[in-house]
Amino acid sequence: MSLENDIAAIAAQEAALTFESFDEDTAFALGCLIRDEAARRATPCAIDIRTAARPLFAATMPGTAPDNAEWIRRKSNLVLRTHRSSYGFGRDLEAKGRALGGDSGLAPAEYASHGGGFPIRVRGTGVVACLTVSGLPQREDHRLAVWGICTILGLDPASHDLPA
C-alpha cells in the first residue's frame, strides 16, 4: 500500500459514497448492519453515528474498552469539523510530514486523525452526520465503515475498497 494510492482511493470513496437522504431510520439501519457484520466477524469494535448536535446510534461489541468512546469522540470531532474521513485526513498529514496540533489548530485532545470516522454526505446538502468505528487497527476501522456505507447504499464494497 502506498500513501499516494491510499490518499487517492480515500478521496474517491469520500466523493462516491453519498446518500440521497439520511435520517434516524437510515442511521439505525446502517449501525445495525455494521454491528451485525462485526458480530459475524467476532470483531471487538464500537460503532457510533452522530450529527453535530446529537447521537443517532451507538453500539459496542464484546472486547471493546471504555477508551473506544474517547476515540469515537475525537474521530467524530475531526470528521464533523473537516468534512473528511479521519483516515484520509491522517494520511494527508502523514504525506506532508505533519501531525495534529501546532499550526493545524486541531488539538490532539479533541481531534484524532486515525481511521474509522467517515462523513455521511447527502447529495445537495453536504455532510449531515458522521459514522465512526473504533477498536480495530485504523485501516480496518476505516474499511469496516466504508463497507457499511457501500452496503447500505447498494454499492459493491470491493469496488470501493482501499488498495492492498
N, C-alpha and C. Protein backbone atom coordinates (compact mmCIF):
# COMPACT_ATOMS: atom_id res chain seq x y z
N MET A 1 0.85 -1.18 0.00
CA MET A 1 0.00 0.00 0.00
C MET A 1 0.89 1.23 0.00
N SER A 2 0.67 2.10 -0.95
CA SER A 2 1.43 3.34 -0.95
C SER A 2 0.55 4.46 -0.40
N LEU A 3 1.20 5.42 0.17
CA LEU A 3 0.50 6.56 0.76
C LEU A 3 -0.30 7.30 -0.32
N GLU A 4 0.31 7.51 -1.47
CA GLU A 4 -0.36 8.24 -2.55
C GLU A 4 -1.59 7.47 -3.05
N ASN A 5 -1.47 6.15 -3.18
CA ASN A 5 -2.61 5.34 -3.63
C ASN A 5 -3.74 5.37 -2.60
N ASP A 6 -3.38 5.32 -1.32
CA ASP A 6 -4.40 5.41 -0.27
C ASP A 6 -5.13 6.75 -0.33
N ILE A 7 -4.37 7.83 -0.46
CA ILE A 7 -4.97 9.17 -0.48
C ILE A 7 -5.94 9.29 -1.65
N ALA A 8 -5.55 8.78 -2.81
CA ALA A 8 -6.42 8.84 -4.00
C ALA A 8 -7.66 7.98 -3.79
N ALA A 9 -7.49 6.78 -3.25
CA ALA A 9 -8.63 5.88 -3.03
C ALA A 9 -9.61 6.45 -2.01
N ILE A 10 -9.09 7.04 -0.95
CA ILE A 10 -9.96 7.62 0.09
C ILE A 10 -10.71 8.82 -0.47
N ALA A 11 -10.04 9.65 -1.26
CA ALA A 11 -10.72 10.80 -1.88
C ALA A 11 -11.86 10.31 -2.79
N ALA A 12 -11.62 9.22 -3.51
CA ALA A 12 -12.67 8.65 -4.37
C ALA A 12 -13.83 8.12 -3.52
N GLN A 13 -13.53 7.47 -2.41
CA GLN A 13 -14.59 6.99 -1.51
C GLN A 13 -15.41 8.17 -1.00
N GLU A 14 -14.74 9.21 -0.54
CA GLU A 14 -15.44 10.37 0.02
C GLU A 14 -16.34 11.03 -1.02
N ALA A 15 -15.92 11.02 -2.28
CA ALA A 15 -16.73 11.62 -3.34
C ALA A 15 -17.90 10.72 -3.74
N ALA A 16 -17.68 9.41 -3.77
CA ALA A 16 -18.68 8.48 -4.29
C ALA A 16 -19.75 8.08 -3.29
N LEU A 17 -19.40 8.01 -2.02
CA LEU A 17 -20.32 7.46 -1.02
C LEU A 17 -21.23 8.56 -0.49
N THR A 18 -22.25 8.85 -1.26
CA THR A 18 -23.18 9.93 -0.98
C THR A 18 -24.60 9.38 -0.91
N PHE A 19 -25.32 9.78 0.10
CA PHE A 19 -26.71 9.37 0.30
C PHE A 19 -27.64 10.33 -0.44
N GLU A 20 -28.79 9.82 -0.86
CA GLU A 20 -29.84 10.69 -1.39
C GLU A 20 -30.58 11.37 -0.25
N SER A 21 -30.70 10.67 0.87
CA SER A 21 -31.30 11.22 2.09
C SER A 21 -30.73 10.43 3.26
N PHE A 22 -30.81 11.00 4.45
CA PHE A 22 -30.30 10.34 5.64
C PHE A 22 -31.10 10.82 6.83
N ASP A 23 -31.67 9.88 7.58
CA ASP A 23 -32.46 10.22 8.76
C ASP A 23 -32.19 9.20 9.86
N GLU A 24 -32.94 9.30 10.93
CA GLU A 24 -32.74 8.42 12.07
C GLU A 24 -32.92 6.94 11.70
N ASP A 25 -33.89 6.65 10.84
CA ASP A 25 -34.09 5.26 10.43
C ASP A 25 -32.91 4.74 9.62
N THR A 26 -32.36 5.56 8.76
CA THR A 26 -31.18 5.17 7.98
C THR A 26 -29.98 4.96 8.89
N ALA A 27 -29.81 5.85 9.87
CA ALA A 27 -28.72 5.71 10.83
C ALA A 27 -28.85 4.39 11.58
N PHE A 28 -30.05 4.07 12.01
CA PHE A 28 -30.27 2.83 12.75
C PHE A 28 -29.96 1.61 11.87
N ALA A 29 -30.44 1.63 10.63
CA ALA A 29 -30.20 0.51 9.72
C ALA A 29 -28.70 0.36 9.44
N LEU A 30 -28.00 1.46 9.22
CA LEU A 30 -26.56 1.42 8.97
C LEU A 30 -25.81 0.91 10.20
N GLY A 31 -26.14 1.44 11.35
CA GLY A 31 -25.49 1.00 12.58
C GLY A 31 -25.70 -0.48 12.85
N CYS A 32 -26.93 -0.96 12.67
CA CYS A 32 -27.23 -2.38 12.89
C CYS A 32 -26.51 -3.27 11.88
N LEU A 33 -26.43 -2.81 10.64
CA LEU A 33 -25.72 -3.56 9.61
C LEU A 33 -24.26 -3.76 9.99
N ILE A 34 -23.61 -2.70 10.42
CA ILE A 34 -22.20 -2.79 10.81
C ILE A 34 -22.05 -3.62 12.09
N ARG A 35 -22.97 -3.44 13.02
CA ARG A 35 -22.92 -4.22 14.25
C ARG A 35 -23.07 -5.72 13.97
N ASP A 36 -23.99 -6.07 13.08
CA ASP A 36 -24.18 -7.48 12.71
C ASP A 36 -22.95 -8.04 12.02
N GLU A 37 -22.33 -7.25 11.16
CA GLU A 37 -21.10 -7.70 10.48
C GLU A 37 -19.97 -7.86 11.49
N ALA A 38 -19.86 -6.94 12.43
CA ALA A 38 -18.84 -7.05 13.47
C ALA A 38 -19.07 -8.31 14.31
N ALA A 39 -20.32 -8.63 14.61
CA ALA A 39 -20.63 -9.86 15.35
C ALA A 39 -20.26 -11.09 14.53
N ARG A 40 -20.58 -11.06 13.24
CA ARG A 40 -20.26 -12.19 12.36
C ARG A 40 -18.76 -12.43 12.32
N ARG A 41 -17.99 -11.35 12.30
CA ARG A 41 -16.53 -11.45 12.25
C ARG A 41 -15.91 -11.62 13.63
N ALA A 42 -16.72 -11.55 14.69
CA ALA A 42 -16.23 -11.55 16.08
C ALA A 42 -15.20 -10.43 16.27
N THR A 43 -15.55 -9.24 15.79
CA THR A 43 -14.68 -8.08 15.81
C THR A 43 -15.00 -7.20 17.01
N PRO A 44 -14.02 -6.95 17.88
CA PRO A 44 -14.27 -6.08 19.03
C PRO A 44 -14.18 -4.61 18.62
N CYS A 45 -15.33 -4.02 18.35
CA CYS A 45 -15.33 -2.61 17.96
C CYS A 45 -16.56 -1.91 18.52
N ALA A 46 -16.46 -0.59 18.53
CA ALA A 46 -17.59 0.27 18.90
C ALA A 46 -18.03 0.99 17.64
N ILE A 47 -19.33 1.21 17.51
CA ILE A 47 -19.91 1.84 16.33
C ILE A 47 -20.74 3.02 16.81
N ASP A 48 -20.59 4.15 16.13
CA ASP A 48 -21.29 5.37 16.53
C ASP A 48 -21.69 6.14 15.28
N ILE A 49 -22.90 6.66 15.28
CA ILE A 49 -23.35 7.56 14.23
C ILE A 49 -23.95 8.77 14.93
N ARG A 50 -23.48 9.96 14.54
CA ARG A 50 -23.95 11.18 15.21
C ARG A 50 -23.96 12.36 14.25
N THR A 51 -24.81 13.31 14.57
CA THR A 51 -24.76 14.62 13.91
C THR A 51 -23.90 15.51 14.82
N ALA A 52 -23.73 16.75 14.42
CA ALA A 52 -23.01 17.69 15.28
C ALA A 52 -23.77 17.96 16.57
N ALA A 53 -25.09 17.74 16.54
CA ALA A 53 -25.93 18.08 17.69
C ALA A 53 -26.31 16.91 18.59
N ARG A 54 -26.34 15.68 18.03
CA ARG A 54 -26.83 14.57 18.87
C ARG A 54 -26.44 13.21 18.32
N PRO A 55 -26.41 12.21 19.21
CA PRO A 55 -26.14 10.84 18.75
C PRO A 55 -27.37 10.25 18.07
N LEU A 56 -27.12 9.40 17.06
CA LEU A 56 -28.20 8.71 16.37
C LEU A 56 -28.15 7.20 16.58
N PHE A 57 -26.94 6.66 16.81
CA PHE A 57 -26.78 5.21 17.00
C PHE A 57 -25.47 4.99 17.75
N ALA A 58 -25.48 4.02 18.66
CA ALA A 58 -24.26 3.61 19.35
C ALA A 58 -24.37 2.16 19.74
N ALA A 59 -23.29 1.43 19.54
CA ALA A 59 -23.24 0.02 19.94
C ALA A 59 -21.78 -0.35 20.21
N THR A 60 -21.60 -1.26 21.14
CA THR A 60 -20.26 -1.79 21.41
C THR A 60 -20.32 -3.31 21.37
N MET A 61 -19.22 -3.89 20.91
CA MET A 61 -19.11 -5.34 20.81
C MET A 61 -18.26 -5.85 21.98
N PRO A 62 -18.40 -7.14 22.30
CA PRO A 62 -17.54 -7.70 23.33
C PRO A 62 -16.07 -7.48 22.98
N GLY A 63 -15.29 -7.13 23.98
CA GLY A 63 -13.87 -6.91 23.76
C GLY A 63 -13.49 -5.45 23.60
N THR A 64 -14.48 -4.56 23.56
CA THR A 64 -14.16 -3.14 23.49
C THR A 64 -13.81 -2.63 24.88
N ALA A 65 -13.23 -1.44 24.91
CA ALA A 65 -12.81 -0.84 26.18
C ALA A 65 -13.45 0.55 26.30
N PRO A 66 -13.52 1.09 27.51
CA PRO A 66 -14.06 2.43 27.67
C PRO A 66 -13.33 3.47 26.81
N ASP A 67 -12.07 3.25 26.52
CA ASP A 67 -11.31 4.20 25.71
C ASP A 67 -11.85 4.32 24.29
N ASN A 68 -12.57 3.31 23.80
CA ASN A 68 -13.15 3.40 22.45
C ASN A 68 -14.11 4.58 22.33
N ALA A 69 -14.83 4.89 23.38
CA ALA A 69 -15.75 6.04 23.35
C ALA A 69 -14.98 7.34 23.17
N GLU A 70 -13.81 7.44 23.78
CA GLU A 70 -12.98 8.63 23.63
C GLU A 70 -12.42 8.73 22.21
N TRP A 71 -11.99 7.62 21.64
CA TRP A 71 -11.53 7.63 20.24
C TRP A 71 -12.67 8.04 19.31
N ILE A 72 -13.85 7.54 19.56
CA ILE A 72 -15.01 7.91 18.73
C ILE A 72 -15.27 9.41 18.82
N ARG A 73 -15.25 9.94 20.01
CA ARG A 73 -15.48 11.38 20.18
C ARG A 73 -14.48 12.19 19.38
N ARG A 74 -13.22 11.85 19.49
CA ARG A 74 -12.16 12.62 18.82
C ARG A 74 -12.19 12.44 17.31
N LYS A 75 -12.42 11.21 16.82
CA LYS A 75 -12.52 10.99 15.37
C LYS A 75 -13.74 11.72 14.81
N SER A 76 -14.86 11.61 15.50
CA SER A 76 -16.09 12.29 15.05
C SER A 76 -15.90 13.80 15.01
N ASN A 77 -15.24 14.35 16.02
CA ASN A 77 -14.96 15.79 16.03
C ASN A 77 -14.21 16.20 14.77
N LEU A 78 -13.22 15.41 14.39
CA LEU A 78 -12.43 15.73 13.20
C LEU A 78 -13.29 15.68 11.94
N VAL A 79 -14.07 14.62 11.80
CA VAL A 79 -14.91 14.48 10.60
C VAL A 79 -15.93 15.60 10.52
N LEU A 80 -16.60 15.89 11.62
CA LEU A 80 -17.64 16.93 11.59
C LEU A 80 -17.06 18.33 11.41
N ARG A 81 -15.81 18.52 11.75
CA ARG A 81 -15.17 19.83 11.53
C ARG A 81 -14.61 19.97 10.12
N THR A 82 -13.99 18.91 9.59
CA THR A 82 -13.28 19.00 8.31
C THR A 82 -14.08 18.46 7.13
N HIS A 83 -15.13 17.68 7.41
CA HIS A 83 -15.93 17.00 6.38
C HIS A 83 -15.09 16.04 5.56
N ARG A 84 -14.08 15.48 6.19
CA ARG A 84 -13.20 14.48 5.59
C ARG A 84 -13.23 13.24 6.48
N SER A 85 -12.88 12.10 5.91
CA SER A 85 -12.72 10.91 6.75
C SER A 85 -11.49 11.10 7.63
N SER A 86 -11.54 10.56 8.82
CA SER A 86 -10.41 10.71 9.73
C SER A 86 -9.17 10.02 9.18
N TYR A 87 -9.33 8.91 8.48
CA TYR A 87 -8.19 8.21 7.90
C TYR A 87 -7.61 9.02 6.74
N GLY A 88 -8.45 9.55 5.89
CA GLY A 88 -7.98 10.38 4.78
C GLY A 88 -7.23 11.61 5.28
N PHE A 89 -7.78 12.24 6.30
CA PHE A 89 -7.13 13.43 6.88
C PHE A 89 -5.77 13.04 7.44
N GLY A 90 -5.72 11.93 8.15
CA GLY A 90 -4.47 11.46 8.74
C GLY A 90 -3.43 11.09 7.70
N ARG A 91 -3.86 10.43 6.63
CA ARG A 91 -2.93 10.05 5.55
C ARG A 91 -2.40 11.31 4.87
N ASP A 92 -3.25 12.32 4.68
CA ASP A 92 -2.79 13.59 4.11
C ASP A 92 -1.74 14.25 5.01
N LEU A 93 -1.99 14.27 6.31
CA LEU A 93 -1.00 14.81 7.24
C LEU A 93 0.32 14.05 7.13
N GLU A 94 0.22 12.73 7.10
CA GLU A 94 1.42 11.90 7.00
C GLU A 94 2.21 12.22 5.73
N ALA A 95 1.52 12.40 4.61
CA ALA A 95 2.18 12.71 3.34
C ALA A 95 2.91 14.04 3.41
N LYS A 96 2.40 14.96 4.22
CA LYS A 96 3.01 16.28 4.36
C LYS A 96 4.04 16.34 5.50
N GLY A 97 4.22 15.20 6.20
CA GLY A 97 5.15 15.17 7.32
C GLY A 97 4.66 15.98 8.51
N ARG A 98 3.35 16.05 8.66
CA ARG A 98 2.76 16.85 9.74
C ARG A 98 1.93 15.96 10.66
N ALA A 99 1.49 16.54 11.74
CA ALA A 99 0.62 15.85 12.70
C ALA A 99 -0.37 16.86 13.25
N LEU A 100 -1.38 16.36 13.94
CA LEU A 100 -2.33 17.26 14.60
C LEU A 100 -1.59 18.14 15.60
N GLY A 101 -2.21 19.25 15.93
CA GLY A 101 -1.60 20.19 16.85
C GLY A 101 -0.85 21.25 16.05
N GLY A 102 -0.03 21.99 16.72
CA GLY A 102 0.76 23.01 16.04
C GLY A 102 -0.10 23.98 15.26
N ASP A 103 0.28 24.21 13.99
CA ASP A 103 -0.44 25.20 13.19
C ASP A 103 -1.75 24.70 12.60
N SER A 104 -2.08 23.42 12.84
CA SER A 104 -3.35 22.90 12.31
C SER A 104 -4.55 23.45 13.06
N GLY A 105 -4.34 23.89 14.30
CA GLY A 105 -5.44 24.37 15.12
C GLY A 105 -6.32 23.26 15.66
N LEU A 106 -5.90 22.01 15.47
CA LEU A 106 -6.68 20.86 15.91
C LEU A 106 -5.92 20.15 17.03
N ALA A 107 -6.34 20.39 18.25
CA ALA A 107 -5.66 19.83 19.42
C ALA A 107 -5.89 18.32 19.51
N PRO A 108 -4.83 17.53 19.67
CA PRO A 108 -4.97 16.08 19.76
C PRO A 108 -5.89 15.61 20.89
N ALA A 109 -6.08 16.42 21.91
CA ALA A 109 -7.00 16.05 22.99
C ALA A 109 -8.46 16.09 22.53
N GLU A 110 -8.73 16.83 21.44
CA GLU A 110 -10.09 16.98 20.94
C GLU A 110 -10.34 16.32 19.59
N TYR A 111 -9.28 16.04 18.84
CA TYR A 111 -9.41 15.50 17.48
C TYR A 111 -8.46 14.33 17.30
N ALA A 112 -8.86 13.35 16.49
CA ALA A 112 -7.99 12.21 16.17
C ALA A 112 -8.03 11.96 14.67
N SER A 113 -6.84 11.91 14.08
CA SER A 113 -6.74 11.67 12.64
C SER A 113 -6.38 10.21 12.37
N HIS A 114 -7.03 9.32 13.07
CA HIS A 114 -6.86 7.88 12.90
C HIS A 114 -8.10 7.34 12.20
N GLY A 115 -7.94 6.28 11.46
CA GLY A 115 -9.03 5.73 10.66
C GLY A 115 -10.24 5.32 11.46
N GLY A 116 -11.40 5.41 10.81
CA GLY A 116 -12.64 4.94 11.41
C GLY A 116 -13.78 5.92 11.34
N GLY A 117 -13.49 7.22 11.21
CA GLY A 117 -14.54 8.22 11.09
C GLY A 117 -14.80 8.52 9.62
N PHE A 118 -16.05 8.50 9.22
CA PHE A 118 -16.38 8.75 7.81
C PHE A 118 -17.58 9.67 7.73
N PRO A 119 -17.52 10.71 6.87
CA PRO A 119 -18.64 11.65 6.77
C PRO A 119 -19.85 11.02 6.09
N ILE A 120 -21.02 11.32 6.63
CA ILE A 120 -22.30 10.96 5.99
C ILE A 120 -22.71 12.19 5.18
N ARG A 121 -22.58 12.05 3.88
CA ARG A 121 -22.83 13.17 2.97
C ARG A 121 -24.13 12.92 2.21
N VAL A 122 -24.99 13.94 2.15
CA VAL A 122 -26.25 13.86 1.41
C VAL A 122 -26.13 14.75 0.18
N ARG A 123 -26.48 14.17 -0.96
CA ARG A 123 -26.42 14.91 -2.23
C ARG A 123 -27.24 16.20 -2.13
N GLY A 124 -26.62 17.30 -2.51
CA GLY A 124 -27.30 18.59 -2.49
C GLY A 124 -27.32 19.28 -1.14
N THR A 125 -26.89 18.58 -0.10
CA THR A 125 -26.89 19.16 1.25
C THR A 125 -25.49 19.25 1.83
N GLY A 126 -24.71 18.19 1.69
CA GLY A 126 -23.38 18.12 2.26
C GLY A 126 -23.33 17.16 3.43
N VAL A 127 -22.37 17.34 4.30
CA VAL A 127 -22.18 16.44 5.44
C VAL A 127 -23.22 16.72 6.51
N VAL A 128 -23.97 15.68 6.88
CA VAL A 128 -25.03 15.82 7.89
C VAL A 128 -24.75 15.02 9.15
N ALA A 129 -23.79 14.09 9.07
CA ALA A 129 -23.51 13.23 10.21
C ALA A 129 -22.16 12.57 10.01
N CYS A 130 -21.80 11.76 10.99
CA CYS A 130 -20.53 11.03 10.96
C CYS A 130 -20.76 9.61 11.45
N LEU A 131 -20.22 8.64 10.73
CA LEU A 131 -20.15 7.24 11.16
C LEU A 131 -18.75 7.01 11.67
N THR A 132 -18.62 6.42 12.85
CA THR A 132 -17.29 6.13 13.38
C THR A 132 -17.24 4.71 13.92
N VAL A 133 -16.15 4.02 13.57
CA VAL A 133 -15.85 2.69 14.08
C VAL A 133 -14.54 2.80 14.83
N SER A 134 -14.46 2.16 16.00
CA SER A 134 -13.25 2.20 16.81
C SER A 134 -13.01 0.84 17.46
N GLY A 135 -11.76 0.43 17.50
CA GLY A 135 -11.41 -0.80 18.20
C GLY A 135 -10.47 -1.69 17.41
N LEU A 136 -10.37 -1.46 16.11
CA LEU A 136 -9.51 -2.25 15.24
C LEU A 136 -8.30 -1.40 14.86
N PRO A 137 -7.33 -1.99 14.18
CA PRO A 137 -6.29 -1.12 13.60
C PRO A 137 -6.97 -0.09 12.70
N GLN A 138 -6.41 1.11 12.62
CA GLN A 138 -7.11 2.23 11.99
C GLN A 138 -7.53 1.95 10.55
N ARG A 139 -6.73 1.24 9.79
CA ARG A 139 -7.09 0.92 8.39
C ARG A 139 -8.34 0.04 8.36
N GLU A 140 -8.44 -0.88 9.32
CA GLU A 140 -9.59 -1.80 9.39
C GLU A 140 -10.83 -1.08 9.91
N ASP A 141 -10.67 -0.15 10.84
CA ASP A 141 -11.80 0.68 11.27
C ASP A 141 -12.38 1.41 10.05
N HIS A 142 -11.51 2.02 9.26
CA HIS A 142 -11.94 2.74 8.06
C HIS A 142 -12.64 1.80 7.08
N ARG A 143 -12.05 0.65 6.84
CA ARG A 143 -12.61 -0.29 5.86
C ARG A 143 -13.98 -0.80 6.29
N LEU A 144 -14.18 -1.04 7.59
CA LEU A 144 -15.48 -1.50 8.06
C LEU A 144 -16.53 -0.40 7.90
N ALA A 145 -16.17 0.84 8.19
CA ALA A 145 -17.10 1.95 7.99
C ALA A 145 -17.49 2.07 6.52
N VAL A 146 -16.51 2.02 5.62
CA VAL A 146 -16.78 2.12 4.18
C VAL A 146 -17.61 0.93 3.72
N TRP A 147 -17.30 -0.27 4.22
CA TRP A 147 -18.09 -1.45 3.87
C TRP A 147 -19.57 -1.21 4.21
N GLY A 148 -19.83 -0.70 5.40
CA GLY A 148 -21.21 -0.47 5.83
C GLY A 148 -21.92 0.54 4.95
N ILE A 149 -21.26 1.64 4.64
CA ILE A 149 -21.88 2.67 3.80
C ILE A 149 -22.14 2.12 2.41
N CYS A 150 -21.15 1.44 1.83
CA CYS A 150 -21.35 0.84 0.50
C CYS A 150 -22.55 -0.11 0.51
N THR A 151 -22.60 -0.95 1.51
CA THR A 151 -23.66 -1.96 1.58
C THR A 151 -25.03 -1.31 1.70
N ILE A 152 -25.17 -0.32 2.56
CA ILE A 152 -26.48 0.32 2.74
C ILE A 152 -26.88 1.11 1.50
N LEU A 153 -25.88 1.60 0.74
CA LEU A 153 -26.17 2.33 -0.49
C LEU A 153 -26.39 1.40 -1.69
N GLY A 154 -26.19 0.10 -1.49
CA GLY A 154 -26.36 -0.86 -2.59
C GLY A 154 -25.19 -0.87 -3.55
N LEU A 155 -24.02 -0.45 -3.09
CA LEU A 155 -22.81 -0.44 -3.91
C LEU A 155 -21.94 -1.63 -3.56
N ASP A 156 -21.11 -2.05 -4.47
CA ASP A 156 -20.20 -3.17 -4.25
C ASP A 156 -19.02 -2.69 -3.37
N PRO A 157 -18.93 -3.19 -2.14
CA PRO A 157 -17.85 -2.74 -1.28
C PRO A 157 -16.46 -3.01 -1.86
N ALA A 158 -16.30 -4.10 -2.60
CA ALA A 158 -14.99 -4.41 -3.18
C ALA A 158 -14.54 -3.37 -4.17
N SER A 159 -15.46 -2.74 -4.88
CA SER A 159 -15.07 -1.74 -5.86
C SER A 159 -14.74 -0.39 -5.21
N HIS A 160 -15.00 -0.26 -3.92
CA HIS A 160 -14.69 0.98 -3.19
C HIS A 160 -13.70 0.74 -2.06
N ASP A 161 -13.01 -0.40 -2.10
CA ASP A 161 -12.06 -0.75 -1.03
C ASP A 161 -10.73 -0.04 -1.24
N LEU A 162 -9.92 -0.02 -0.21
CA LEU A 162 -8.58 0.54 -0.30
C LEU A 162 -7.68 -0.43 -1.06
N PRO A 163 -6.63 0.09 -1.70
CA PRO A 163 -5.70 -0.80 -2.38
C PRO A 163 -4.98 -1.70 -1.38
N ALA A 164 -4.61 -2.88 -1.83
CA ALA A 164 -3.92 -3.84 -0.94
C ALA A 164 -2.49 -3.40 -0.67
